[in-house]
Amino acid sequence: MVINHIGMVVRSIEKAVRHWEEIFGYKQITEVVTNTRQKVKVSFMGKEDSLPIKLLEPVDETSSVYTFAKKGGGLHH
């Protein structure tokens, strides 16, 4: 098995980007984009010798991760 990335559901992608940069030393490697099919905002974070982190923020209450984010988010996949 090969792990490509780790997905984290967050309430605010902008705050999460700052958190991962300041606390864990990651850098934002993609702009924030909206996946209209899954109804999430997405951005990837990277750090040398570490797996990429995919941050996911629901765009509205119809997103499949909305309830998870409302409860605080966390490890998704």
N, C-alpha and C. Protein backbone atom coordinates (compact mmCIF):
# COMPACT_ATOMS: atom_id res chain seq x y z
N MET A 1 0.85 -1.17 0.00
CA MET A 1 0.00 0.00 0.00
C MET A 1 0.89 1.24 0.00
N VAL A 2 0.49 2.22 -0.77
CA VAL A 2 1.20 3.50 -0.81
C VAL A 2 0.23 4.59 -0.37
N ILE A 3 0.65 5.40 0.58
CA ILE A 3 -0.19 6.51 1.04
C ILE A 3 0.22 7.76 0.27
N ASN A 4 -0.74 8.36 -0.43
CA ASN A 4 -0.48 9.53 -1.26
C ASN A 4 -0.51 10.83 -0.47
N HIS A 5 -1.47 10.96 0.45
CA HIS A 5 -1.61 12.16 1.26
C HIS A 5 -2.51 11.86 2.46
N ILE A 6 -2.59 12.80 3.37
CA ILE A 6 -3.48 12.71 4.52
C ILE A 6 -4.49 13.84 4.40
N GLY A 7 -5.77 13.51 4.51
CA GLY A 7 -6.84 14.51 4.40
C GLY A 7 -7.34 14.94 5.76
N MET A 8 -7.39 16.26 5.97
CA MET A 8 -7.86 16.83 7.23
C MET A 8 -9.03 17.76 6.95
N VAL A 9 -10.16 17.53 7.63
CA VAL A 9 -11.31 18.42 7.51
C VAL A 9 -11.11 19.56 8.51
N VAL A 10 -11.33 20.78 8.03
CA VAL A 10 -11.14 21.97 8.86
C VAL A 10 -12.35 22.89 8.74
N ARG A 11 -12.54 23.73 9.74
CA ARG A 11 -13.64 24.71 9.70
C ARG A 11 -13.30 25.89 8.80
N SER A 12 -12.03 26.31 8.83
CA SER A 12 -11.56 27.45 8.03
C SER A 12 -10.24 27.08 7.38
N ILE A 13 -10.23 27.03 6.08
CA ILE A 13 -9.02 26.63 5.38
C ILE A 13 -7.92 27.69 5.55
N GLU A 14 -8.29 28.96 5.60
CA GLU A 14 -7.30 30.02 5.77
C GLU A 14 -6.61 29.90 7.13
N LYS A 15 -7.39 29.67 8.19
CA LYS A 15 -6.81 29.50 9.53
C LYS A 15 -5.97 28.23 9.60
N ALA A 16 -6.44 27.18 8.95
CA ALA A 16 -5.71 25.91 8.97
C ALA A 16 -4.37 26.03 8.25
N VAL A 17 -4.33 26.74 7.14
CA VAL A 17 -3.07 26.95 6.42
C VAL A 17 -2.08 27.65 7.34
N ARG A 18 -2.49 28.71 8.01
CA ARG A 18 -1.60 29.43 8.93
C ARG A 18 -1.14 28.52 10.07
N HIS A 19 -2.06 27.71 10.60
CA HIS A 19 -1.74 26.80 11.69
C HIS A 19 -0.67 25.78 11.27
N TRP A 20 -0.87 25.14 10.12
CA TRP A 20 0.08 24.14 9.65
C TRP A 20 1.43 24.77 9.33
N GLU A 21 1.44 26.02 8.87
CA GLU A 21 2.70 26.70 8.60
C GLU A 21 3.42 27.06 9.90
N GLU A 22 2.71 27.67 10.84
CA GLU A 22 3.33 28.17 12.06
C GLU A 22 3.68 27.06 13.06
N ILE A 23 2.82 26.08 13.21
CA ILE A 23 3.02 25.05 14.23
C ILE A 23 3.86 23.88 13.72
N PHE A 24 3.60 23.44 12.48
CA PHE A 24 4.24 22.23 11.98
C PHE A 24 5.30 22.46 10.91
N GLY A 25 5.47 23.70 10.45
CA GLY A 25 6.50 24.01 9.47
C GLY A 25 6.16 23.60 8.04
N TYR A 26 4.89 23.35 7.75
CA TYR A 26 4.47 23.04 6.38
C TYR A 26 4.34 24.33 5.58
N LYS A 27 4.35 24.20 4.28
CA LYS A 27 4.15 25.33 3.36
C LYS A 27 2.97 25.01 2.45
N GLN A 28 2.20 26.01 2.11
CA GLN A 28 1.09 25.83 1.19
C GLN A 28 1.66 25.61 -0.20
N ILE A 29 1.31 24.48 -0.83
CA ILE A 29 1.88 24.17 -2.14
C ILE A 29 0.86 24.29 -3.27
N THR A 30 -0.41 24.50 -2.93
CA THR A 30 -1.42 24.78 -3.95
C THR A 30 -2.31 25.92 -3.48
N GLU A 31 -2.86 26.64 -4.41
CA GLU A 31 -3.86 27.64 -4.06
C GLU A 31 -5.11 26.94 -3.54
N VAL A 32 -5.95 27.67 -2.86
CA VAL A 32 -7.24 27.14 -2.44
C VAL A 32 -8.14 27.07 -3.67
N VAL A 33 -8.67 25.88 -3.93
CA VAL A 33 -9.59 25.69 -5.04
C VAL A 33 -10.88 25.08 -4.50
N THR A 34 -11.97 25.28 -5.23
CA THR A 34 -13.25 24.71 -4.83
C THR A 34 -13.57 23.51 -5.70
N ASN A 35 -13.81 22.39 -5.04
CA ASN A 35 -14.27 21.18 -5.71
C ASN A 35 -15.78 21.22 -5.64
N THR A 36 -16.43 21.59 -6.76
CA THR A 36 -17.87 21.76 -6.76
C THR A 36 -18.63 20.44 -6.64
N ARG A 37 -18.02 19.35 -7.05
CA ARG A 37 -18.68 18.04 -6.94
C ARG A 37 -18.78 17.60 -5.48
N GLN A 38 -17.68 17.78 -4.73
CA GLN A 38 -17.68 17.37 -3.32
C GLN A 38 -18.07 18.51 -2.38
N LYS A 39 -18.21 19.71 -2.94
CA LYS A 39 -18.61 20.90 -2.19
C LYS A 39 -17.65 21.19 -1.04
N VAL A 40 -16.36 21.24 -1.39
CA VAL A 40 -15.31 21.57 -0.43
C VAL A 40 -14.29 22.50 -1.06
N LYS A 41 -13.68 23.32 -0.22
CA LYS A 41 -12.49 24.07 -0.61
C LYS A 41 -11.31 23.19 -0.24
N VAL A 42 -10.28 23.17 -1.10
CA VAL A 42 -9.14 22.28 -0.90
C VAL A 42 -7.83 23.03 -1.11
N SER A 43 -6.85 22.69 -0.29
CA SER A 43 -5.49 23.16 -0.50
C SER A 43 -4.54 22.10 0.04
N PHE A 44 -3.41 21.94 -0.63
CA PHE A 44 -2.39 20.99 -0.19
C PHE A 44 -1.26 21.72 0.51
N MET A 45 -0.75 21.11 1.57
CA MET A 45 0.38 21.60 2.34
C MET A 45 1.52 20.59 2.17
N GLY A 46 2.75 21.08 2.12
CA GLY A 46 3.88 20.18 1.95
C GLY A 46 5.03 20.51 2.88
N LYS A 47 5.83 19.49 3.15
CA LYS A 47 7.01 19.63 3.98
C LYS A 47 8.00 18.56 3.56
N GLU A 48 9.26 18.92 3.46
CA GLU A 48 10.30 17.97 3.03
C GLU A 48 10.27 16.73 3.92
N ASP A 49 10.38 15.55 3.27
CA ASP A 49 10.41 14.26 3.95
C ASP A 49 9.13 13.94 4.72
N SER A 50 8.01 14.48 4.27
CA SER A 50 6.73 14.22 4.92
C SER A 50 5.64 14.09 3.87
N LEU A 51 4.57 13.39 4.23
CA LEU A 51 3.44 13.27 3.33
C LEU A 51 2.74 14.61 3.15
N PRO A 52 2.18 14.87 1.97
CA PRO A 52 1.37 16.07 1.81
C PRO A 52 0.10 15.99 2.67
N ILE A 53 -0.35 17.14 3.12
CA ILE A 53 -1.58 17.25 3.88
C ILE A 53 -2.60 17.96 3.00
N LYS A 54 -3.77 17.35 2.86
CA LYS A 54 -4.87 17.94 2.09
C LYS A 54 -5.87 18.51 3.09
N LEU A 55 -6.05 19.83 3.05
CA LEU A 55 -7.02 20.49 3.90
C LEU A 55 -8.34 20.62 3.16
N LEU A 56 -9.44 20.28 3.82
CA LEU A 56 -10.77 20.33 3.21
C LEU A 56 -11.71 21.14 4.09
N GLU A 57 -12.32 22.16 3.52
CA GLU A 57 -13.32 22.97 4.22
C GLU A 57 -14.64 22.86 3.47
N PRO A 58 -15.74 22.50 4.14
CA PRO A 58 -17.02 22.44 3.44
C PRO A 58 -17.45 23.83 2.99
N VAL A 59 -18.06 23.90 1.79
CA VAL A 59 -18.51 25.20 1.30
C VAL A 59 -19.90 25.56 1.80
N ASP A 60 -20.69 24.54 2.16
CA ASP A 60 -22.01 24.78 2.72
C ASP A 60 -22.50 23.51 3.42
N GLU A 61 -23.71 23.57 3.95
CA GLU A 61 -24.24 22.45 4.74
C GLU A 61 -24.57 21.21 3.91
N THR A 62 -24.53 21.30 2.59
CA THR A 62 -24.78 20.11 1.76
C THR A 62 -23.50 19.32 1.48
N SER A 63 -22.36 19.82 1.93
CA SER A 63 -21.09 19.11 1.75
C SER A 63 -21.10 17.85 2.62
N SER A 64 -20.49 16.79 2.10
CA SER A 64 -20.44 15.53 2.84
C SER A 64 -19.60 15.63 4.11
N VAL A 65 -18.76 16.66 4.23
CA VAL A 65 -17.93 16.82 5.43
C VAL A 65 -18.42 17.95 6.35
N TYR A 66 -19.57 18.51 6.06
CA TYR A 66 -20.09 19.64 6.83
C TYR A 66 -20.27 19.29 8.31
N THR A 67 -20.97 18.19 8.59
CA THR A 67 -21.23 17.79 9.97
C THR A 67 -19.93 17.51 10.71
N PHE A 68 -19.00 16.85 10.03
CA PHE A 68 -17.69 16.55 10.61
C PHE A 68 -16.96 17.84 10.98
N ALA A 69 -16.97 18.81 10.08
CA ALA A 69 -16.30 20.09 10.34
C ALA A 69 -16.97 20.83 11.49
N LYS A 70 -18.30 20.78 11.53
CA LYS A 70 -19.04 21.45 12.59
C LYS A 70 -18.69 20.89 13.96
N LYS A 71 -18.35 19.61 14.02
CA LYS A 71 -17.96 18.97 15.27
C LYS A 71 -16.48 19.21 15.60
N GLY A 72 -15.77 19.94 14.75
CA GLY A 72 -14.38 20.26 15.01
C GLY A 72 -13.41 19.77 13.95
N GLY A 73 -13.89 18.88 13.06
CA GLY A 73 -13.02 18.39 11.99
C GLY A 73 -11.99 17.41 12.49
N GLY A 74 -10.94 17.23 11.69
CA GLY A 74 -9.86 16.32 12.03
C GLY A 74 -9.52 15.39 10.89
N LEU A 75 -8.86 14.28 11.25
CA LEU A 75 -8.43 13.31 10.26
C LEU A 75 -9.62 12.75 9.50
N HIS A 76 -9.58 12.85 8.18
CA HIS A 76 -10.67 12.37 7.34
C HIS A 76 -10.24 11.17 6.52
N HIS A 77 -9.11 11.27 5.87
CA HIS A 77 -8.60 10.14 5.06
C HIS A 77 -7.09 10.26 4.88
